[in-house]
Amino acid sequence: YRFTLSRAIDRYNMAQQQHRILLLGSGMVVQPVVDYLLKDARFHLTIVSLFLHEAVNAAKGHNPAHVETVQLDVGKQAAELDALVAKADLVISLVPAPMHPIVAQACLKNKKHLLTASYISPAMKELDSAAKEAGVIFLNELGLDPGIDHMSAMAIIDEAKHKGGKIRSFVSWCGALPAPDCMNNPLGYKFSWSPRGVLSSAGLPSTFLWENKSTELSPENKWQLLLPVPVSESDKVDHMFDGVGNRDSVSYIDVYGLNKDDLQTMFRGTLRWPGFGTVVRAFMAPGLFSSAQSSSFDPASSEAVKWRDVLGGGDDVEASVGAKLKAAFEKMGSEAQDKLVGVKTVPRDVSQDVSAALAGLKWLGITADEVVEKKGTPIDSLCALLEKRLSYGPAERDIVVMQHEFIVEYPSHSEKVYSTLVVYGDNKESKEPAAYGMLNKSTATAKTVGLPVAMAAELILQGSVPQRGVIAPIYKEIYTPMLNMLRAQGIDMKERAEKL
C-alpha cells in the first residue's frame, strides 16, 4: 500500500512541476532524446557537450524556456559536472562508455538517477550497493542492442514461462546498417553510431552456447566463421546477412532468468552485409585493431606516414599486401576449422576473400597514397579514416534489423518463435516529414537508441520504476510500458510462431 501511495504521490508531483533533466553528450543518437522529451512541457533539458555547436544544433527548434546548452569536458571538469548534476532530477549519460563511472560518482554524491545506453561495465556494476543505499536507479543498456533486444526478449521469455514452456534455444541478431538502396561501398557499412564503439566491439572475442557446446571464438575466428542469417522484412522483401557472435552470450542466461538445464543454445550476434567481415579480417591481419600506443601513429611526430607504408606494401603494394593477406587468411581458416563443427557457416574461398579485401582497402585509399591521420594507436587512426570514408550522405538512410529466434518446448508441442524489428532512417533531403512524430529527421539507429533512453527517463520521473541500484531493462515494470511506448511511436517487434 505504501509503495502504491508513494507512486501516486510521485505522479501527482510530476504533473504539478517541471523536471530538470541533464543530458550529457551530443553525438549521433542524441536528437531523438531531445525531440521526445521536449514535446512535454513538464521537462526542462540541459544539454552538455564538449562541442557547444553540437548541443546548440540539438536544441534548435525547441522552446528556449525548456532547454539550455552548456560546454563542458565531463572527464576533466569534475566540479562543474557536480554542480550540474546537483541541479538535475535525473541524468542521461550519452558520453563514451568509459566516462560513465565518472558521471555515476557525481550522481551517487547528489543522489540522482542515471540512465545510459551502454553495457553494464565492471566499474558500473561495483556501484550497485552504493546506488541501492542512496535510493537511486542506475538504469543501463537502454538503447537498441543492448536495450530493445533485452526488453523484447524478456517479454517472450516471461510469456513462455507463464504458459508452462521451456526455452530450449535463444538466438538473437541485431545490426545497424546502410539501407539496401544506400550500399555503395565494398564494406557494406557506414557509421550511424560511435565509430570507435563499432571497431572495439568487432575486436572482441565471442562466447556462446551452441547445441550444448560452450564455445569461445577469438576475434579472428569469429569473423572467419560467419553464419548466414535470412530475415524477412515482409512477405515480399527478404534480406540475407552475415552473422557474427557478439561478446559474451553465456552471461545472459542468468540475466534473462533462463534454466541452464533446459537450454541447449544461447547466442547473441551482430548482423552485417556480406563483405564487411572480410575487410575486418584484412584490418586485423597487420594489427590495425591494436589499441597500444605506436610511434607510427604518434600525433606528436611531424613525419607524414602513408597507409601503404603501414602495411609494408613496397613498390607493388597490391601484390605485396595481397600475398600477406593470402597467408593470413589461410592461417585464420586453419585455426578456425574445428571451432564450429556441424554448424552451417558462410563458405570461404581464400582467393575470393583476398580479392574482396584488396577491393575494400583500395576503395578506402589504404593501398594508395592516403596519409595516416595519427591518433596515437592503430585502431584510433583507422577509426579516423573509416569515419571520413564511411559517413552517410544527406540523401542516404540507414536500416536497423533485429531478430530473435526462440525454440520453446511446451507439454503438448514445441514451436519456433520469431520476433523481428525493421526500422528505416529518414532521408534528410526528402520532403517527407520526420518519422515517428519527431521534430527532426534522424537515423534509424538514433531513433532506436535514443527513444528508449528518453522513455525510461519519463517512466522514472513519474515514479513507475520500483527497482533501485545498477540494473538493465529486464524487469516487467520497465519493459512492458516501454515496449508499449515504442509501439505507439511505430517501433514494434513483429512476432510469428511455427509448430515444430
Protein backbone atom coordinates (compact mmCIF):
# COMPACT_ATOMS: atom_id res chain seq x y z
CA TYR A 1 0.00 0.00 0.00
CA ARG A 2 2.78 2.38 0.94
CA PHE A 3 4.59 1.82 -2.36
CA THR A 4 1.39 2.31 -4.36
CA LEU A 5 0.64 5.51 -2.45
CA SER A 6 4.21 6.72 -2.92
CA ARG A 7 4.00 6.21 -6.68
CA ALA A 8 0.67 8.02 -6.81
CA ILE A 9 2.21 10.98 -4.99
CA ASP A 10 5.20 10.97 -7.34
CA ARG A 11 2.90 11.04 -10.36
CA TYR A 12 0.85 13.88 -8.87
CA ASN A 13 4.01 15.87 -8.16
CA MET A 14 5.26 15.28 -11.68
CA ALA A 15 2.06 16.68 -13.09
CA GLN A 16 2.48 19.81 -10.97
CA GLN A 17 6.10 20.70 -11.65
CA GLN A 18 8.79 20.82 -14.29
CA HIS A 19 11.51 18.20 -14.02
CA ARG A 20 15.09 19.09 -14.84
CA ILE A 21 16.99 16.53 -16.92
CA LEU A 22 20.72 16.74 -17.51
CA LEU A 23 21.72 15.26 -20.88
CA LEU A 24 25.45 14.61 -21.23
CA GLY A 25 26.65 14.17 -24.81
CA SER A 26 25.59 15.48 -28.21
CA GLY A 27 26.65 12.69 -30.55
CA MET A 28 24.92 10.72 -33.27
CA VAL A 29 21.97 9.41 -31.22
CA VAL A 30 21.04 12.45 -29.12
CA GLN A 31 18.45 14.17 -31.35
CA PRO A 32 15.51 11.80 -30.73
CA VAL A 33 16.15 12.08 -26.98
CA VAL A 34 15.83 15.85 -27.19
CA ASP A 35 12.83 15.80 -29.51
CA TYR A 36 10.88 13.25 -27.46
CA LEU A 37 11.43 14.85 -24.06
CA LEU A 38 10.81 18.41 -25.19
CA LYS A 39 7.40 17.51 -26.61
CA ASP A 40 6.37 17.50 -22.93
CA ALA A 41 6.31 20.89 -21.20
CA ARG A 42 6.97 19.17 -17.86
CA PHE A 43 10.61 18.63 -18.81
CA HIS A 44 13.47 21.10 -18.83
CA LEU A 45 16.61 19.85 -20.58
CA THR A 46 20.22 20.93 -20.10
CA ILE A 47 22.35 19.59 -22.97
CA VAL A 48 26.04 19.34 -22.13
CA SER A 49 28.70 18.78 -24.77
CA LEU A 50 32.41 19.18 -25.31
CA PHE A 51 31.41 20.86 -28.57
CA LEU A 52 28.91 23.63 -27.90
CA HIS A 53 27.75 23.92 -31.52
CA GLU A 54 26.56 20.30 -31.41
CA ALA A 55 24.47 20.96 -28.32
CA VAL A 56 23.05 24.13 -29.87
CA ASN A 57 22.12 22.23 -33.04
CA ALA A 58 20.35 19.54 -30.99
CA ALA A 59 18.28 22.22 -29.25
CA LYS A 60 17.24 24.04 -32.44
CA GLY A 61 13.52 24.43 -32.99
CA HIS A 62 12.61 23.91 -29.34
CA ASN A 63 11.27 26.41 -26.82
CA PRO A 64 14.29 28.19 -25.24
CA ALA A 65 12.42 28.26 -21.94
CA HIS A 66 12.68 24.46 -21.81
CA VAL A 67 16.24 23.86 -22.98
CA GLU A 68 19.70 25.25 -22.36
CA THR A 69 23.16 24.26 -23.62
CA VAL A 70 26.47 24.08 -21.78
CA GLN A 71 30.01 23.43 -22.97
CA LEU A 72 31.86 21.08 -20.62
CA ASP A 73 34.58 18.42 -20.63
CA VAL A 74 32.93 15.77 -18.47
CA GLY A 75 36.19 13.93 -17.87
CA LYS A 76 38.18 16.98 -16.76
CA GLN A 77 35.76 19.43 -15.12
CA ALA A 78 34.58 17.49 -12.08
CA ALA A 79 33.41 20.47 -10.03
CA GLU A 80 31.33 21.89 -12.88
CA LEU A 81 29.84 18.46 -13.58
CA ASP A 82 28.95 18.05 -9.91
CA ALA A 83 27.17 21.41 -9.89
CA LEU A 84 25.11 20.50 -12.94
CA VAL A 85 24.18 17.09 -11.52
CA ALA A 86 23.12 18.69 -8.25
CA LYS A 87 20.55 20.84 -10.07
CA ALA A 88 19.05 17.93 -12.04
CA ASP A 89 16.32 15.46 -11.13
CA LEU A 90 17.75 12.85 -13.48
CA VAL A 91 20.92 12.43 -15.56
CA ILE A 92 21.21 10.85 -19.02
CA SER A 93 24.78 9.97 -19.97
CA LEU A 94 25.43 9.52 -23.69
CA VAL A 95 29.15 10.27 -23.43
CA PRO A 96 31.66 7.48 -24.27
CA ALA A 97 31.12 4.45 -22.04
CA PRO A 98 34.46 4.70 -20.16
CA MET A 99 33.24 8.04 -18.76
CA HIS A 100 30.01 6.67 -17.26
CA PRO A 101 31.61 5.77 -13.89
CA ILE A 102 32.76 9.41 -13.52
CA VAL A 103 29.18 10.56 -14.07
CA ALA A 104 27.87 7.82 -11.77
CA GLN A 105 30.04 9.02 -8.89
CA ALA A 106 28.58 12.52 -9.24
CA CYS A 107 25.08 11.01 -9.29
CA LEU A 108 25.80 8.99 -6.14
CA LYS A 109 27.10 12.07 -4.33
CA ASN A 110 23.96 14.03 -5.23
CA LYS A 111 21.53 11.07 -5.07
CA LYS A 112 20.33 11.41 -8.68
CA HIS A 113 19.02 8.75 -11.04
CA LEU A 114 21.26 7.87 -14.02
CA LEU A 115 20.46 6.43 -17.45
CA THR A 116 22.89 5.11 -20.08
CA ALA A 117 22.56 3.14 -23.31
CA SER A 118 25.83 1.28 -22.67
CA TYR A 119 26.60 -2.21 -21.38
CA ILE A 120 26.99 -2.51 -17.62
CA SER A 121 30.75 -2.39 -17.14
CA PRO A 122 32.52 -3.98 -14.15
CA ALA A 123 33.17 -0.46 -12.82
CA MET A 124 29.46 0.39 -13.04
CA LYS A 125 28.43 -2.95 -11.53
CA GLU A 126 30.60 -2.24 -8.46
CA LEU A 127 28.35 0.73 -7.69
CA ASP A 128 25.22 -1.40 -7.24
CA SER A 129 25.26 -1.49 -3.44
CA ALA A 130 26.05 2.21 -3.16
CA ALA A 131 23.24 3.08 -5.58
CA LYS A 132 20.76 1.00 -3.60
CA GLU A 133 21.89 2.64 -0.37
CA ALA A 134 21.43 6.07 -1.98
CA GLY A 135 17.99 5.04 -3.21
CA VAL A 136 18.77 5.78 -6.86
CA ILE A 137 18.31 3.97 -10.15
CA PHE A 138 21.30 3.45 -12.44
CA LEU A 139 19.47 2.06 -15.47
CA ASN A 140 21.85 0.94 -18.23
CA GLU A 141 21.67 -1.00 -21.51
CA LEU A 142 18.78 1.16 -22.68
CA GLY A 143 19.45 1.53 -26.39
CA LEU A 144 18.88 -0.85 -29.27
CA ASP A 145 21.46 -3.56 -28.61
CA PRO A 146 21.66 -3.61 -25.68
CA GLY A 147 18.21 -2.32 -24.87
CA ILE A 148 15.25 -3.12 -27.08
CA ASP A 149 16.75 -6.59 -27.53
CA HIS A 150 16.56 -7.21 -23.76
CA MET A 151 13.04 -5.87 -23.41
CA SER A 152 11.55 -7.74 -26.36
CA ALA A 153 13.32 -10.97 -25.40
CA MET A 154 12.13 -10.81 -21.80
CA ALA A 155 8.54 -10.28 -22.94
CA ILE A 156 8.67 -13.55 -24.91
CA ILE A 157 10.57 -15.45 -22.21
CA ASP A 158 8.20 -14.43 -19.43
CA GLU A 159 5.14 -15.25 -21.53
CA ALA A 160 6.54 -18.69 -22.43
CA LYS A 161 7.26 -19.43 -18.76
CA HIS A 162 3.76 -18.30 -17.81
CA LYS A 163 2.35 -20.83 -20.29
CA GLY A 164 4.50 -23.63 -18.90
CA GLY A 165 7.08 -23.59 -21.67
CA LYS A 166 10.80 -24.31 -21.50
CA ILE A 167 13.25 -22.21 -23.52
CA ARG A 168 15.44 -24.69 -25.40
CA SER A 169 17.17 -22.25 -27.73
CA PHE A 170 17.58 -18.50 -27.97
CA VAL A 171 19.41 -16.87 -30.88
CA SER A 172 19.29 -13.07 -31.19
CA TRP A 173 20.57 -10.90 -34.03
CA CYS A 174 20.89 -7.14 -34.44
CA GLY A 175 22.52 -4.80 -36.92
CA ALA A 176 22.53 -1.09 -37.78
CA LEU A 177 23.49 -0.84 -41.44
CA PRO A 178 23.12 1.18 -44.64
CA ALA A 179 19.68 0.65 -46.18
CA PRO A 180 19.78 -1.65 -49.22
CA ASP A 181 19.43 1.34 -51.58
CA CYS A 182 22.46 3.04 -49.96
CA MET A 183 25.00 0.21 -50.08
CA ASN A 184 27.61 1.82 -52.31
CA ASN A 185 30.95 0.70 -50.90
CA PRO A 186 32.78 -2.65 -50.71
CA LEU A 187 32.38 -2.89 -46.93
CA GLY A 188 28.57 -2.69 -46.98
CA TYR A 189 28.80 -0.42 -43.97
CA LYS A 190 28.51 3.20 -42.83
CA PHE A 191 28.62 4.70 -39.35
CA SER A 192 25.36 5.65 -37.68
CA TRP A 193 26.83 5.47 -34.18
CA SER A 194 30.22 5.70 -32.47
CA PRO A 195 32.91 4.53 -34.93
CA ARG A 196 35.22 3.62 -32.05
CA GLY A 197 32.45 1.57 -30.48
CA VAL A 198 31.90 -0.35 -33.73
CA LEU A 199 35.59 -1.20 -34.08
CA SER A 200 36.05 -2.04 -30.40
CA SER A 201 33.10 -4.44 -30.49
CA ALA A 202 34.39 -6.05 -33.69
CA GLY A 203 37.73 -6.69 -31.99
CA LEU A 204 36.28 -8.58 -29.01
CA PRO A 205 36.04 -12.39 -28.71
CA SER A 206 32.64 -14.08 -28.59
CA THR A 207 31.46 -16.71 -26.13
CA PHE A 208 28.26 -18.70 -26.60
CA LEU A 209 26.44 -21.99 -26.15
CA TRP A 210 25.50 -23.85 -29.34
CA GLU A 211 23.71 -27.20 -29.18
CA ASN A 212 25.02 -27.92 -25.69
CA LYS A 213 28.62 -26.99 -26.55
CA SER A 214 30.25 -23.95 -24.96
CA THR A 215 32.49 -22.14 -27.45
CA GLU A 216 34.79 -19.14 -27.32
CA LEU A 217 36.00 -17.63 -30.58
CA SER A 218 38.87 -15.18 -30.95
CA PRO A 219 38.12 -12.01 -32.92
CA GLU A 220 39.84 -13.54 -35.98
CA ASN A 221 37.92 -16.80 -35.63
CA LYS A 222 34.53 -15.16 -35.23
CA TRP A 223 34.97 -13.11 -38.42
CA GLN A 224 36.18 -16.23 -40.24
CA LEU A 225 33.16 -18.27 -39.15
CA LEU A 226 30.21 -16.13 -40.20
CA LEU A 227 26.69 -17.53 -40.07
CA PRO A 228 24.16 -16.94 -42.88
CA VAL A 229 21.12 -15.15 -41.43
CA PRO A 230 17.93 -14.72 -43.51
CA VAL A 231 15.48 -12.05 -42.31
CA SER A 232 12.05 -11.42 -43.81
CA GLU A 233 11.10 -7.76 -43.67
CA SER A 234 7.72 -8.51 -45.22
CA ASP A 235 6.01 -11.08 -47.44
CA LYS A 236 7.78 -9.53 -50.44
CA VAL A 237 11.12 -8.36 -49.00
CA ASP A 238 13.82 -10.72 -47.74
CA HIS A 239 17.39 -9.95 -46.71
CA MET A 240 20.45 -12.18 -46.28
CA PHE A 241 23.06 -11.12 -43.75
CA ASP A 242 26.33 -12.38 -42.35
CA GLY A 243 26.04 -13.01 -38.61
CA VAL A 244 28.89 -12.82 -36.10
CA GLY A 245 28.98 -13.55 -32.37
CA ASN A 246 28.62 -10.53 -30.06
CA ARG A 247 30.63 -10.56 -26.84
CA ASP A 248 29.62 -12.96 -24.04
CA SER A 249 26.27 -14.58 -24.76
CA VAL A 250 26.55 -17.10 -21.92
CA SER A 251 26.32 -14.43 -19.20
CA TYR A 252 22.81 -13.59 -20.42
CA ILE A 253 21.50 -17.00 -19.39
CA ASP A 254 21.36 -15.70 -15.82
CA VAL A 255 20.42 -12.15 -16.82
CA TYR A 256 17.33 -13.44 -18.65
CA GLY A 257 16.50 -15.93 -15.89
CA LEU A 258 16.81 -18.95 -18.19
CA ASN A 259 17.14 -22.50 -16.89
CA LYS A 260 20.62 -23.81 -17.74
CA ASP A 261 19.38 -27.40 -17.64
CA ASP A 262 16.71 -26.65 -20.26
CA LEU A 263 18.82 -24.51 -22.57
CA GLN A 264 20.77 -26.01 -25.47
CA THR A 265 21.67 -22.86 -27.43
CA MET A 266 22.33 -19.29 -26.28
CA PHE A 267 23.73 -16.97 -28.93
CA ARG A 268 23.66 -13.18 -29.34
CA GLY A 269 25.04 -11.92 -32.63
CA THR A 270 25.60 -8.92 -34.88
CA LEU A 271 24.34 -8.59 -38.46
CA ARG A 272 26.47 -7.25 -41.29
CA TRP A 273 26.00 -7.12 -45.04
CA PRO A 274 28.30 -9.55 -46.90
CA GLY A 275 31.78 -8.11 -47.45
CA PHE A 276 32.27 -6.38 -44.10
CA GLY A 277 33.75 -9.40 -42.31
CA THR A 278 36.37 -9.98 -45.00
CA VAL A 279 37.69 -6.42 -44.75
CA VAL A 280 37.68 -6.64 -40.93
CA ARG A 281 39.98 -9.68 -41.16
CA ALA A 282 42.17 -7.68 -43.54
CA PHE A 283 42.42 -4.95 -40.88
CA MET A 284 43.24 -7.49 -38.18
CA ALA A 285 45.99 -9.24 -40.15
CA PRO A 286 48.55 -6.36 -39.84
CA GLY A 287 47.42 -5.42 -36.32
CA LEU A 288 45.26 -2.38 -37.13
CA PHE A 289 42.85 -3.25 -34.33
CA SER A 290 45.56 -2.78 -31.71
CA SER A 291 44.86 -0.17 -29.02
CA ALA A 292 48.51 0.05 -28.00
CA GLN A 293 50.38 3.33 -28.44
CA SER A 294 52.61 3.20 -31.52
CA SER A 295 55.34 5.52 -32.81
CA SER A 296 53.96 5.13 -36.35
CA PHE A 297 50.73 6.74 -35.17
CA ASP A 298 52.19 9.31 -32.78
CA PRO A 299 50.43 12.66 -33.42
CA ALA A 300 53.47 14.48 -32.00
CA SER A 301 55.59 13.26 -34.91
CA SER A 302 55.68 15.61 -37.90
CA GLU A 303 56.74 12.86 -40.28
CA ALA A 304 53.98 12.00 -42.75
CA VAL A 305 53.11 8.30 -42.86
CA LYS A 306 51.08 6.69 -45.61
CA TRP A 307 48.78 3.75 -45.02
CA ARG A 308 50.58 1.76 -47.69
CA ASP A 309 53.79 2.12 -45.64
CA VAL A 310 52.00 0.87 -42.52
CA LEU A 311 51.03 -2.24 -44.47
CA GLY A 312 54.59 -2.69 -45.72
CA GLY A 313 53.42 -2.66 -49.31
CA GLY A 314 56.63 -1.69 -51.09
CA ASP A 315 56.62 -0.67 -54.76
CA ASP A 316 53.89 -3.08 -55.86
CA VAL A 317 51.63 -2.55 -52.89
CA GLU A 318 48.63 -4.58 -54.08
CA ALA A 319 50.74 -7.64 -54.92
CA SER A 320 52.64 -7.41 -51.64
CA VAL A 321 49.57 -6.83 -49.46
CA GLY A 322 47.66 -9.49 -51.40
CA ALA A 323 50.34 -12.08 -50.64
CA LYS A 324 50.32 -11.16 -46.95
CA LEU A 325 46.55 -11.35 -46.81
CA LYS A 326 46.55 -14.75 -48.52
CA ALA A 327 48.93 -16.13 -45.89
CA ALA A 328 46.94 -14.52 -43.05
CA PHE A 329 43.58 -15.76 -44.36
CA GLU A 330 44.92 -19.29 -44.81
CA LYS A 331 46.18 -19.24 -41.23
CA MET A 332 42.85 -17.92 -39.92
CA GLY A 333 40.99 -20.63 -41.84
CA SER A 334 43.25 -23.35 -40.46
CA GLU A 335 42.88 -22.11 -36.88
CA ALA A 336 39.07 -21.86 -37.14
CA GLN A 337 38.28 -25.10 -38.99
CA ASP A 338 37.46 -27.18 -35.89
CA LYS A 339 35.70 -24.44 -33.92
CA LEU A 340 32.11 -24.83 -35.18
CA VAL A 341 31.83 -28.39 -36.42
CA GLY A 342 28.32 -29.17 -37.65
CA VAL A 343 27.22 -25.53 -37.75
CA LYS A 344 26.32 -24.04 -41.14
CA THR A 345 28.68 -21.14 -41.86
CA VAL A 346 29.24 -18.86 -44.84
CA PRO A 347 31.56 -20.67 -47.31
CA ARG A 348 35.04 -19.17 -47.53
CA ASP A 349 37.33 -19.04 -50.56
CA VAL A 350 40.77 -17.57 -49.85
CA SER A 351 41.32 -16.21 -53.37
CA GLN A 352 37.91 -14.55 -53.48
CA ASP A 353 38.37 -13.16 -49.96
CA VAL A 354 41.78 -11.69 -50.85
CA SER A 355 40.32 -10.02 -53.94
CA ALA A 356 37.38 -8.63 -51.93
CA ALA A 357 39.69 -7.40 -49.16
CA LEU A 358 42.00 -5.66 -51.64
CA ALA A 359 38.99 -4.00 -53.28
CA GLY A 360 37.92 -2.69 -49.87
CA LEU A 361 41.39 -1.44 -48.95
CA LYS A 362 41.79 0.19 -52.35
CA TRP A 363 38.42 1.93 -52.06
CA LEU A 364 39.48 3.29 -48.65
CA GLY A 365 42.75 4.58 -50.11
CA ILE A 366 44.88 2.34 -47.89
CA THR A 367 46.78 0.81 -50.81
CA ALA A 368 47.38 4.20 -52.44
CA ASP A 369 48.84 7.43 -51.05
CA GLU A 370 46.32 8.09 -48.27
CA VAL A 371 48.17 9.77 -45.39
CA VAL A 372 47.52 8.48 -41.87
CA GLU A 373 45.69 10.86 -39.54
CA LYS A 374 47.69 9.94 -36.46
CA LYS A 375 45.63 9.31 -33.32
CA GLY A 376 48.20 7.55 -31.15
CA THR A 377 47.08 3.97 -31.73
CA PRO A 378 46.41 1.85 -34.83
CA ILE A 379 42.70 1.38 -34.04
CA ASP A 380 42.06 5.08 -33.38
CA SER A 381 43.92 6.10 -36.54
CA LEU A 382 41.97 3.51 -38.54
CA CYS A 383 38.79 4.82 -36.93
CA ALA A 384 39.58 8.35 -38.17
CA LEU A 385 39.97 7.06 -41.73
CA LEU A 386 36.78 4.99 -41.66
CA GLU A 387 34.74 7.80 -40.13
CA LYS A 388 35.78 10.01 -43.04
CA ARG A 389 35.10 7.41 -45.73
CA LEU A 390 32.05 5.65 -44.31
CA SER A 391 29.71 8.52 -43.49
CA TYR A 392 26.14 8.91 -44.70
CA GLY A 393 25.27 11.46 -47.35
CA PRO A 394 22.26 13.75 -46.74
CA ALA A 395 20.06 11.73 -49.09
CA GLU A 396 21.09 8.37 -47.61
CA ARG A 397 19.42 6.43 -44.84
CA ASP A 398 20.20 3.50 -42.59
CA ILE A 399 18.28 0.42 -41.54
CA VAL A 400 18.06 -1.29 -38.16
CA VAL A 401 17.30 -5.01 -38.16
CA MET A 402 16.70 -7.14 -35.08
CA GLN A 403 15.52 -10.73 -34.95
CA HIS A 404 15.02 -13.14 -32.05
CA GLU A 405 14.66 -16.85 -32.72
CA PHE A 406 13.36 -18.97 -29.84
CA ILE A 407 12.64 -22.67 -29.61
CA VAL A 408 10.08 -23.21 -26.84
CA GLU A 409 9.01 -26.64 -25.62
CA TYR A 410 5.51 -26.96 -24.16
CA PRO A 411 3.95 -30.11 -22.64
CA SER A 412 1.94 -30.75 -25.83
CA HIS A 413 4.25 -29.41 -28.56
CA SER A 414 7.30 -27.34 -29.44
CA GLU A 415 7.39 -24.19 -31.51
CA LYS A 416 9.87 -21.79 -33.05
CA VAL A 417 9.11 -18.15 -32.31
CA TYR A 418 10.44 -15.31 -34.45
CA SER A 419 10.34 -11.70 -33.31
CA THR A 420 11.53 -9.20 -35.92
CA LEU A 421 12.08 -5.45 -35.99
CA VAL A 422 12.96 -3.44 -39.12
CA VAL A 423 13.28 0.36 -38.87
CA TYR A 424 14.45 2.75 -41.60
CA GLY A 425 16.08 6.10 -41.01
CA ASP A 426 14.92 9.36 -42.56
CA ASN A 427 16.13 10.67 -45.90
CA LYS A 428 17.14 14.18 -44.84
CA GLU A 429 16.70 15.59 -48.34
CA SER A 430 13.21 14.18 -48.76
CA LYS A 431 10.19 16.45 -48.40
CA GLU A 432 8.53 13.81 -46.23
CA PRO A 433 8.23 14.79 -42.54
CA ALA A 434 10.35 13.07 -39.91
CA ALA A 435 9.02 9.65 -38.99
CA TYR A 436 7.61 8.65 -35.58
CA GLY A 437 6.37 12.16 -34.80
CA MET A 438 9.84 13.61 -34.28
CA LEU A 439 10.63 17.28 -34.86
CA ASN A 440 13.93 16.48 -36.61
CA LYS A 441 14.88 13.75 -39.04
CA SER A 442 17.18 11.08 -37.62
CA THR A 443 18.82 7.80 -38.43
CA ALA A 444 17.11 4.55 -37.52
CA THR A 445 19.99 3.94 -35.12
CA ALA A 446 19.43 7.25 -33.34
CA LYS A 447 15.71 6.56 -33.01
CA THR A 448 16.09 3.04 -31.65
CA VAL A 449 18.84 4.06 -29.22
CA GLY A 450 17.59 7.50 -28.23
CA LEU A 451 13.86 6.88 -27.82
CA PRO A 452 14.21 4.09 -25.21
CA VAL A 453 16.52 6.32 -23.15
CA ALA A 454 14.04 9.20 -23.27
CA MET A 455 11.09 6.95 -22.46
CA ALA A 456 12.91 5.44 -19.49
CA ALA A 457 13.53 8.95 -18.15
CA GLU A 458 9.81 9.64 -18.35
CA LEU A 459 8.96 6.39 -16.54
CA ILE A 460 11.42 7.04 -13.71
CA LEU A 461 10.31 10.63 -13.18
CA GLN A 462 6.68 9.57 -12.93
CA GLY A 463 7.61 7.03 -10.25
CA SER A 464 6.90 3.88 -12.28
CA VAL A 465 10.21 2.05 -11.69
CA PRO A 466 10.41 0.36 -8.25
CA GLN A 467 13.89 -1.15 -8.64
CA ARG A 468 17.00 0.55 -7.27
CA GLY A 469 20.70 0.02 -7.92
CA VAL A 470 22.56 -0.81 -11.12
CA ILE A 471 20.07 -2.53 -13.43
CA ALA A 472 19.16 -3.33 -17.04
CA PRO A 473 15.62 -3.10 -18.51
CA ILE A 474 14.80 -6.78 -17.89
CA TYR A 475 12.00 -6.19 -15.38
CA LYS A 476 8.35 -6.33 -16.32
CA GLU A 477 7.67 -2.95 -14.68
CA ILE A 478 10.17 -1.46 -17.15
CA TYR A 479 9.90 -3.45 -20.36
CA THR A 480 6.09 -3.68 -20.57
CA PRO A 481 5.36 0.09 -20.59
CA MET A 482 8.46 0.83 -22.67
CA LEU A 483 7.54 -1.67 -25.39
CA ASN A 484 4.05 -0.14 -25.42
CA MET A 485 5.52 3.37 -25.70
CA LEU A 486 7.81 2.28 -28.55
CA ARG A 487 4.86 0.62 -30.29
CA ALA A 488 2.93 3.88 -30.06
CA GLN A 489 5.83 5.52 -31.93
CA GLY A 490 5.70 2.83 -34.65
CA ILE A 491 8.70 0.83 -33.41
CA ASP A 492 7.21 -2.62 -32.98
CA MET A 493 8.55 -6.17 -32.96
CA LYS A 494 6.52 -8.44 -35.25
CA GLU A 495 6.08 -11.97 -33.93
CA ARG A 496 5.23 -15.25 -35.62
CA ALA A 497 5.38 -18.85 -34.40
CA GLU A 498 5.83 -22.16 -36.21
CA LYS A 499 4.97 -25.52 -34.67
CA LEU A 500 7.86 -27.99 -34.84
